[in-house]
Amino acid sequence: MEAAAVPRSVAACRAAPALPAARALALPRRALSVSIAAASTRRLHLTARRAADGEGAETAPEAVPIEKRFPPFPSVMDINQIREILPHRFPFLLVDRVIEYKAGEYAVGIKNVTINDNFFPGHFPERPIMPGVLMVEAMAQVGGLVMLQPEVGGSRDNFFFAGIDKVRFRKPVIAGDTLIMRMTLTKYQKRFGLAKMEGKAYVGGDLVCEGEFLLVSATE
């Protein structure tokens, strides 16, 4: 009895070696990756050629001079208004301007630190650094601007800096810096005339000093 004839197509399939499933799947992906890489390379070459020919090049806007890049600080209170509120005078008035203020809540003041400040000849002649105690004093004066307003009921005649706690100096402040100080009222006991404030001072966005302040309105 003769063996049944096997169709040629089936015989060819049986004769061909089977590929592992993983390899069979990998071939199309590899080919696709090669084609994507080739297309990307062609785009890069085309972009480079266009750039060399001056095609598609964008004209950069004219650079703004550095002296025009920085807006001036706002002025909520100028030095004359500050002098009407604080009793301090030269050489101990350490707030030049108030740039933000909310009655009975907080104030943000600035001190322009210059080489002409009277403490630099002694602190230190070779490296002019603003004394930490004067940074604390300047911050307390900004706190006084919060508390000595009519809305709060303070009086410049009997309001004093009573204490500090958790004060930390993070970075030195030198001549040429602008010290930006935010003082925020955290607790006020009007009966006893006690005000607790949180203070933070910055130069160029960097925290340079922070602490907790106690101010008191003394009764006569």
C-alpha atoms as a PDB file:
ATOM      1  CA  MET A   1       0.000   0.000   0.000  1.00  0.00           C
ATOM      2  CA  GLU A   2       1.444   3.301  -1.033  1.00  0.00           C
ATOM      3  CA  ALA A   3       1.677   6.230   1.396  1.00  0.00           C
ATOM      4  CA  ALA A   4      -0.846   8.953   0.839  1.00  0.00           C
ATOM      5  CA  ALA A   5       0.509  11.872  -1.090  1.00  0.00           C
ATOM      6  CA  VAL A   6       1.238  14.852   1.124  1.00  0.00           C
ATOM      7  CA  PRO A   7       0.481  18.303  -0.319  1.00  0.00           C
ATOM      8  CA  ARG A   8       3.672  20.093  -1.277  1.00  0.00           C
ATOM      9  CA  SER A   9       2.862  23.217   0.756  1.00  0.00           C
ATOM     10  CA  VAL A  10       2.357  21.147   3.890  1.00  0.00           C
ATOM     11  CA  ALA A  11       5.567  19.227   3.264  1.00  0.00           C
ATOM     12  CA  ALA A  12       7.539  22.454   2.860  1.00  0.00           C
ATOM     13  CA  CYS A  13       6.164  23.758   6.133  1.00  0.00           C
ATOM     14  CA  ARG A  14       7.163  20.562   7.888  1.00  0.00           C
ATOM     15  CA  ALA A  15      10.653  20.690   6.391  1.00  0.00           C
ATOM     16  CA  ALA A  16      11.381  24.298   7.402  1.00  0.00           C
ATOM     17  CA  PRO A  17      12.971  24.633  10.879  1.00  0.00           C
ATOM     18  CA  ALA A  18      10.710  26.312  13.413  1.00  0.00           C
ATOM     19  CA  LEU A  19      11.892  29.624  14.890  1.00  0.00           C
ATOM     20  CA  PRO A  20      11.662  30.148  18.636  1.00  0.00           C
ATOM     21  CA  ALA A  21       8.675  32.274  19.559  1.00  0.00           C
ATOM     22  CA  ALA A  22      10.824  34.996  21.164  1.00  0.00           C
ATOM     23  CA  ARG A  23      13.014  35.334  18.081  1.00  0.00           C
ATOM     24  CA  ALA A  24      10.024  35.411  15.776  1.00  0.00           C
ATOM     25  CA  LEU A  25       8.576  38.316  17.754  1.00  0.00           C
ATOM     26  CA  ALA A  26      11.889  40.146  17.996  1.00  0.00           C
ATOM     27  CA  LEU A  27      12.445  40.474  14.288  1.00  0.00           C
ATOM     28  CA  PRO A  28       9.631  42.923  13.517  1.00  0.00           C
ATOM     29  CA  ARG A  29      10.554  45.111  16.541  1.00  0.00           C
ATOM     30  CA  ARG A  30      14.208  45.224  15.514  1.00  0.00           C
ATOM     31  CA  ALA A  31      13.293  46.204  12.002  1.00  0.00           C
ATOM     32  CA  LEU A  32      10.952  48.898  13.334  1.00  0.00           C
ATOM     33  CA  SER A  33      13.693  50.304  15.621  1.00  0.00           C
ATOM     34  CA  VAL A  34      16.134  50.450  12.726  1.00  0.00           C
ATOM     35  CA  SER A  35      13.635  52.311  10.574  1.00  0.00           C
ATOM     36  CA  ILE A  36      12.842  54.817  13.368  1.00  0.00           C
ATOM     37  CA  ALA A  37      16.549  55.434  13.989  1.00  0.00           C
ATOM     38  CA  ALA A  38      17.153  55.949  10.291  1.00  0.00           C
ATOM     39  CA  ALA A  39      14.268  58.401  10.055  1.00  0.00           C
ATOM     40  CA  SER A  40      15.559  60.333  13.073  1.00  0.00           C
ATOM     41  CA  THR A  41      19.029  60.498  11.554  1.00  0.00           C
ATOM     42  CA  ARG A  42      17.624  61.809   8.292  1.00  0.00           C
ATOM     43  CA  ARG A  43      15.666  64.518  10.166  1.00  0.00           C
ATOM     44  CA  LEU A  44      18.779  65.573  12.079  1.00  0.00           C
ATOM     45  CA  HIS A  45      20.790  65.817   8.869  1.00  0.00           C
ATOM     46  CA  LEU A  46      18.011  67.815   7.212  1.00  0.00           C
ATOM     47  CA  THR A  47      17.772  70.212  10.174  1.00  0.00           C
ATOM     48  CA  ALA A  48      21.538  70.707  10.211  1.00  0.00           C
ATOM     49  CA  ARG A  49      21.602  71.369   6.481  1.00  0.00           C
ATOM     50  CA  ARG A  50      18.787  73.915   6.757  1.00  0.00           C
ATOM     51  CA  ALA A  51      20.539  75.644   9.637  1.00  0.00           C
ATOM     52  CA  ALA A  52      23.742  75.834   7.605  1.00  0.00           C
ATOM     53  CA  ASP A  53      21.796  77.354   4.715  1.00  0.00           C
ATOM     54  CA  GLY A  54      20.107  79.858   7.022  1.00  0.00           C
ATOM     55  CA  GLU A  55      16.641  78.376   6.522  1.00  0.00           C
ATOM     56  CA  GLY A  56      14.224  78.402   9.444  1.00  0.00           C
ATOM     57  CA  ALA A  57      16.613  80.327  11.682  1.00  0.00           C
ATOM     58  CA  GLU A  58      14.814  82.470  14.263  1.00  0.00           C
ATOM     59  CA  THR A  59      16.130  85.885  15.095  1.00  0.00           C
ATOM     60  CA  ALA A  60      16.837  86.096  18.841  1.00  0.00           C
ATOM     61  CA  PRO A  61      15.170  89.059  20.580  1.00  0.00           C
ATOM     62  CA  GLU A  62      17.479  91.847  21.544  1.00  0.00           C
ATOM     63  CA  ALA A  63      18.924  91.177  24.978  1.00  0.00           C
ATOM     64  CA  VAL A  64      17.649  93.448  27.760  1.00  0.00           C
ATOM     65  CA  PRO A  65      20.553  95.282  29.439  1.00  0.00           C
ATOM     66  CA  ILE A  66      21.153  94.058  32.980  1.00  0.00           C
ATOM     67  CA  GLU A  67      20.476  97.502  34.456  1.00  0.00           C
ATOM     68  CA  LYS A  68      16.896  97.299  33.122  1.00  0.00           C
ATOM     69  CA  ARG A  69      16.060  93.755  34.221  1.00  0.00           C
ATOM     70  CA  PHE A  70      15.170  94.454  37.845  1.00  0.00           C
ATOM     71  CA  PRO A  71      12.051  96.427  38.792  1.00  0.00           C
ATOM     72  CA  PRO A  72      12.293  98.860  41.721  1.00  0.00           C
ATOM     73  CA  PHE A  73      11.012  97.856  45.129  1.00  0.00           C
ATOM     74  CA  PRO A  74       7.478  99.091  45.827  1.00  0.00           C
ATOM     75  CA  SER A  75       7.107 101.761  48.495  1.00  0.00           C
ATOM     76  CA  VAL A  76       4.289 101.326  50.993  1.00  0.00           C
ATOM     77  CA  MET A  77       6.130 103.488  53.532  1.00  0.00           C
ATOM     78  CA  ASP A  78       9.064 105.701  52.658  1.00  0.00           C
ATOM     79  CA  ILE A  79      11.767 106.810  55.083  1.00  0.00           C
ATOM     80  CA  ASN A  80       9.840 109.906  56.145  1.00  0.00           C
ATOM     81  CA  GLN A  81       6.784 107.849  57.096  1.00  0.00           C
ATOM     82  CA  ILE A  82       9.004 105.373  58.939  1.00  0.00           C
ATOM     83  CA  ARG A  83      10.561 108.225  60.932  1.00  0.00           C
ATOM     84  CA  GLU A  84       7.084 109.328  61.968  1.00  0.00           C
ATOM     85  CA  ILE A  85       6.412 105.891  63.467  1.00  0.00           C
ATOM     86  CA  LEU A  86       9.752 104.710  64.885  1.00  0.00           C
ATOM     87  CA  PRO A  87      11.615 106.762  67.493  1.00  0.00           C
ATOM     88  CA  HIS A  88      15.039 105.588  66.218  1.00  0.00           C
ATOM     89  CA  ARG A  89      17.438 108.000  64.557  1.00  0.00           C
ATOM     90  CA  PHE A  90      20.956 107.912  63.087  1.00  0.00           C
ATOM     91  CA  PRO A  91      22.952 105.775  63.506  1.00  0.00           C
ATOM     92  CA  PHE A  92      20.375 103.307  64.741  1.00  0.00           C
ATOM     93  CA  LEU A  93      17.481 103.581  62.311  1.00  0.00           C
ATOM     94  CA  LEU A  94      17.938 100.381  60.301  1.00  0.00           C
ATOM     95  CA  VAL A  95      14.866 100.301  58.046  1.00  0.00           C
ATOM     96  CA  ASP A  96      14.914 102.270  54.784  1.00  0.00           C
ATOM     97  CA  ARG A  97      11.549 101.332  53.271  1.00  0.00           C
ATOM     98  CA  VAL A  98       8.470  99.191  53.820  1.00  0.00           C
ATOM     99  CA  ILE A  99       7.511  97.293  50.677  1.00  0.00           C
ATOM    100  CA  GLU A 100       4.480  95.408  52.028  1.00  0.00           C
ATOM    101  CA  TYR A 101       2.283  95.895  55.056  1.00  0.00           C
ATOM    102  CA  LYS A 102      -0.961  94.613  56.552  1.00  0.00           C
ATOM    103  CA  ALA A 103      -2.135  96.340  59.700  1.00  0.00           C
ATOM    104  CA  GLY A 104      -1.818  94.210  62.818  1.00  0.00           C
ATOM    105  CA  GLU A 105      -0.492  91.201  60.867  1.00  0.00           C
ATOM    106  CA  TYR A 106       2.863  91.656  59.138  1.00  0.00           C
ATOM    107  CA  ALA A 107       5.293  94.037  57.487  1.00  0.00           C
ATOM    108  CA  VAL A 108       8.116  93.574  55.003  1.00  0.00           C
ATOM    109  CA  GLY A 109      10.913  96.129  55.205  1.00  0.00           C
ATOM    110  CA  ILE A 110      14.283  96.586  53.535  1.00  0.00           C
ATOM    111  CA  LYS A 111      17.664  97.745  54.742  1.00  0.00           C
ATOM    112  CA  ASN A 112      20.165  98.786  52.088  1.00  0.00           C
ATOM    113  CA  VAL A 113      23.523  97.660  53.427  1.00  0.00           C
ATOM    114  CA  THR A 114      26.281 100.012  52.256  1.00  0.00           C
ATOM    115  CA  ILE A 115      29.968 100.363  52.984  1.00  0.00           C
ATOM    116  CA  ASN A 116      29.153 103.775  54.482  1.00  0.00           C
ATOM    117  CA  ASP A 117      27.278 102.182  57.401  1.00  0.00           C
ATOM    118  CA  ASN A 118      29.026 103.238  60.560  1.00  0.00           C
ATOM    119  CA  PHE A 119      29.585  99.701  61.873  1.00  0.00           C
ATOM    120  CA  PHE A 120      31.759  98.513  58.978  1.00  0.00           C
ATOM    121  CA  PRO A 121      35.001 100.245  60.039  1.00  0.00           C
ATOM    122  CA  GLY A 122      35.035  97.996  63.074  1.00  0.00           C
ATOM    123  CA  HIS A 123      33.186  94.892  61.751  1.00  0.00           C
ATOM    124  CA  PHE A 124      35.466  94.165  59.986  1.00  0.00           C
ATOM    125  CA  PRO A 125      37.933  96.482  58.202  1.00  0.00           C
ATOM    126  CA  GLU A 126      39.148  93.720  55.874  1.00  0.00           C
ATOM    127  CA  ARG A 127      35.823  91.929  55.485  1.00  0.00           C
ATOM    128  CA  PRO A 128      32.743  94.147  55.905  1.00  0.00           C
ATOM    129  CA  ILE A 129      30.041  91.912  57.454  1.00  0.00           C
ATOM    130  CA  MET A 130      26.859  93.261  59.010  1.00  0.00           C
ATOM    131  CA  PRO A 131      26.786  92.303  62.704  1.00  0.00           C
ATOM    132  CA  GLY A 132      24.173  89.704  63.543  1.00  0.00           C
ATOM    133  CA  VAL A 133      22.891  91.732  66.482  1.00  0.00           C
ATOM    134  CA  LEU A 134      22.143  94.621  64.121  1.00  0.00           C
ATOM    135  CA  MET A 135      20.274  92.317  61.760  1.00  0.00           C
ATOM    136  CA  VAL A 136      18.148  91.282  64.729  1.00  0.00           C
ATOM    137  CA  GLU A 137      17.661  94.938  65.689  1.00  0.00           C
ATOM    138  CA  ALA A 138      16.618  95.847  62.134  1.00  0.00           C
ATOM    139  CA  MET A 139      14.083  93.018  62.142  1.00  0.00           C
ATOM    140  CA  ALA A 140      12.734  94.162  65.520  1.00  0.00           C
ATOM    141  CA  GLN A 141      12.264  97.659  64.073  1.00  0.00           C
ATOM    142  CA  VAL A 142      10.176  96.194  61.245  1.00  0.00           C
ATOM    143  CA  GLY A 143       8.167  94.424  63.947  1.00  0.00           C
ATOM    144  CA  GLY A 144       7.734  97.775  65.664  1.00  0.00           C
ATOM    145  CA  LEU A 145       6.216  99.155  62.463  1.00  0.00           C
ATOM    146  CA  VAL A 146       3.570  96.433  62.708  1.00  0.00           C
ATOM    147  CA  MET A 147       2.772  97.103  66.358  1.00  0.00           C
ATOM    148  CA  LEU A 148       3.034 100.903  66.506  1.00  0.00           C
ATOM    149  CA  GLN A 149       0.204 101.531  64.063  1.00  0.00           C
ATOM    150  CA  PRO A 150      -3.036 103.162  65.226  1.00  0.00           C
ATOM    151  CA  GLU A 151      -4.926 100.030  64.125  1.00  0.00           C
ATOM    152  CA  VAL A 152      -3.081  98.042  66.798  1.00  0.00           C
ATOM    153  CA  GLY A 153      -2.970 100.733  69.438  1.00  0.00           C
ATOM    154  CA  GLY A 154       0.772 100.830  70.100  1.00  0.00           C
ATOM    155  CA  SER A 155       2.719 103.847  71.316  1.00  0.00           C
ATOM    156  CA  ARG A 156       6.253 104.754  70.319  1.00  0.00           C
ATOM    157  CA  ASP A 157       6.839 106.119  73.805  1.00  0.00           C
ATOM    158  CA  ASN A 158       6.521 102.807  75.652  1.00  0.00           C
ATOM    159  CA  PHE A 159       7.068  99.982  73.159  1.00  0.00           C
ATOM    160  CA  PHE A 160      10.217  97.900  73.636  1.00  0.00           C
ATOM    161  CA  PHE A 161      12.130  94.933  72.255  1.00  0.00           C
ATOM    162  CA  ALA A 162      11.799  92.389  75.088  1.00  0.00           C
ATOM    163  CA  GLY A 163      13.379  89.136  73.923  1.00  0.00           C
ATOM    164  CA  ILE A 164      14.510  86.789  71.177  1.00  0.00           C
ATOM    165  CA  ASP A 165      14.460  83.024  70.820  1.00  0.00           C
ATOM    166  CA  LYS A 166      15.603  80.408  68.296  1.00  0.00           C
ATOM    167  CA  VAL A 167      17.662  82.948  66.354  1.00  0.00           C
ATOM    168  CA  ARG A 168      19.836  81.480  63.612  1.00  0.00           C
ATOM    169  CA  PHE A 169      22.208  83.208  61.220  1.00  0.00           C
ATOM    170  CA  ARG A 170      22.358  81.294  57.947  1.00  0.00           C
ATOM    171  CA  LYS A 171      24.613  83.420  55.732  1.00  0.00           C
ATOM    172  CA  PRO A 172      26.714  86.584  56.162  1.00  0.00           C
ATOM    173  CA  VAL A 173      25.311  89.901  54.994  1.00  0.00           C
ATOM    174  CA  ILE A 174      27.907  92.141  53.383  1.00  0.00           C
ATOM    175  CA  ALA A 175      28.168  95.653  51.986  1.00  0.00           C
ATOM    176  CA  GLY A 176      26.167  95.916  48.781  1.00  0.00           C
ATOM    177  CA  ASP A 177      23.401  93.542  49.912  1.00  0.00           C
ATOM    178  CA  THR A 178      19.741  94.461  50.325  1.00  0.00           C
ATOM    179  CA  LEU A 179      18.346  92.909  53.477  1.00  0.00           C
ATOM    180  CA  ILE A 180      14.644  92.064  53.109  1.00  0.00           C
ATOM    181  CA  MET A 181      12.913  91.426  56.441  1.00  0.00           C
ATOM    182  CA  ARG A 182       9.454  89.953  57.042  1.00  0.00           C
ATOM    183  CA  MET A 183       7.974  90.210  60.511  1.00  0.00           C
ATOM    184  CA  THR A 184       4.699  88.389  61.184  1.00  0.00           C
ATOM    185  CA  LEU A 185       2.592  88.758  64.320  1.00  0.00           C
ATOM    186  CA  THR A 186       1.851  85.290  65.693  1.00  0.00           C
ATOM    187  CA  LYS A 187       0.389  86.134  69.108  1.00  0.00           C
ATOM    188  CA  TYR A 188      -0.791  89.320  70.772  1.00  0.00           C
ATOM    189  CA  GLN A 189      -1.936  89.648  74.374  1.00  0.00           C
ATOM    190  CA  LYS A 190      -3.316  93.148  74.437  1.00  0.00           C
ATOM    191  CA  ARG A 191      -4.099  92.954  78.158  1.00  0.00           C
ATOM    192  CA  PHE A 192      -0.423  92.507  78.988  1.00  0.00           C
ATOM    193  CA  GLY A 193       0.936  94.415  76.000  1.00  0.00           C
ATOM    194  CA  LEU A 194       2.881  91.379  74.755  1.00  0.00           C
ATOM    195  CA  ALA A 195       3.441  90.658  71.062  1.00  0.00           C
ATOM    196  CA  LYS A 196       5.144  87.536  69.749  1.00  0.00           C
ATOM    197  CA  MET A 197       6.448  87.715  66.204  1.00  0.00           C
ATOM    198  CA  GLU A 198       8.154  85.450  63.703  1.00  0.00           C
ATOM    199  CA  GLY A 199      10.971  87.044  61.751  1.00  0.00           C
ATOM    200  CA  LYS A 200      12.798  86.023  58.604  1.00  0.00           C
ATOM    201  CA  ALA A 201      15.421  88.009  56.694  1.00  0.00           C
ATOM    202  CA  TYR A 202      16.567  87.364  53.139  1.00  0.00           C
ATOM    203  CA  VAL A 203      19.181  88.492  50.644  1.00  0.00           C
ATOM    204  CA  GLY A 204      18.393  87.674  47.024  1.00  0.00           C
ATOM    205  CA  GLY A 205      15.884  85.044  48.082  1.00  0.00           C
ATOM    206  CA  ASP A 206      18.341  83.283  50.424  1.00  0.00           C
ATOM    207  CA  LEU A 207      17.376  83.050  54.075  1.00  0.00           C
ATOM    208  CA  VAL A 208      20.100  84.758  56.113  1.00  0.00           C
ATOM    209  CA  CYS A 209      18.492  85.120  59.553  1.00  0.00           C
ATOM    210  CA  GLU A 210      15.403  83.888  61.382  1.00  0.00           C
ATOM    211  CA  GLY A 211      14.027  83.853  64.883  1.00  0.00           C
ATOM    212  CA  GLU A 212      11.159  84.526  67.272  1.00  0.00           C
ATOM    213  CA  PHE A 213      10.776  87.992  68.755  1.00  0.00           C
ATOM    214  CA  LEU A 214       9.007  89.288  71.853  1.00  0.00           C
ATOM    215  CA  LEU A 215       7.917  92.926  71.951  1.00  0.00           C
ATOM    216  CA  VAL A 216       6.216  94.593  74.890  1.00  0.00           C
ATOM    217  CA  SER A 217       4.173  97.723  75.418  1.00  0.00           C
ATOM    218  CA  ALA A 218       5.119  98.883  78.902  1.00  0.00           C
ATOM    219  CA  THR A 219       2.642 100.706  81.088  1.00  0.00           C
ATOM    220  CA  GLU A 220       3.693 103.803  82.920  1.00  0.00           C
END
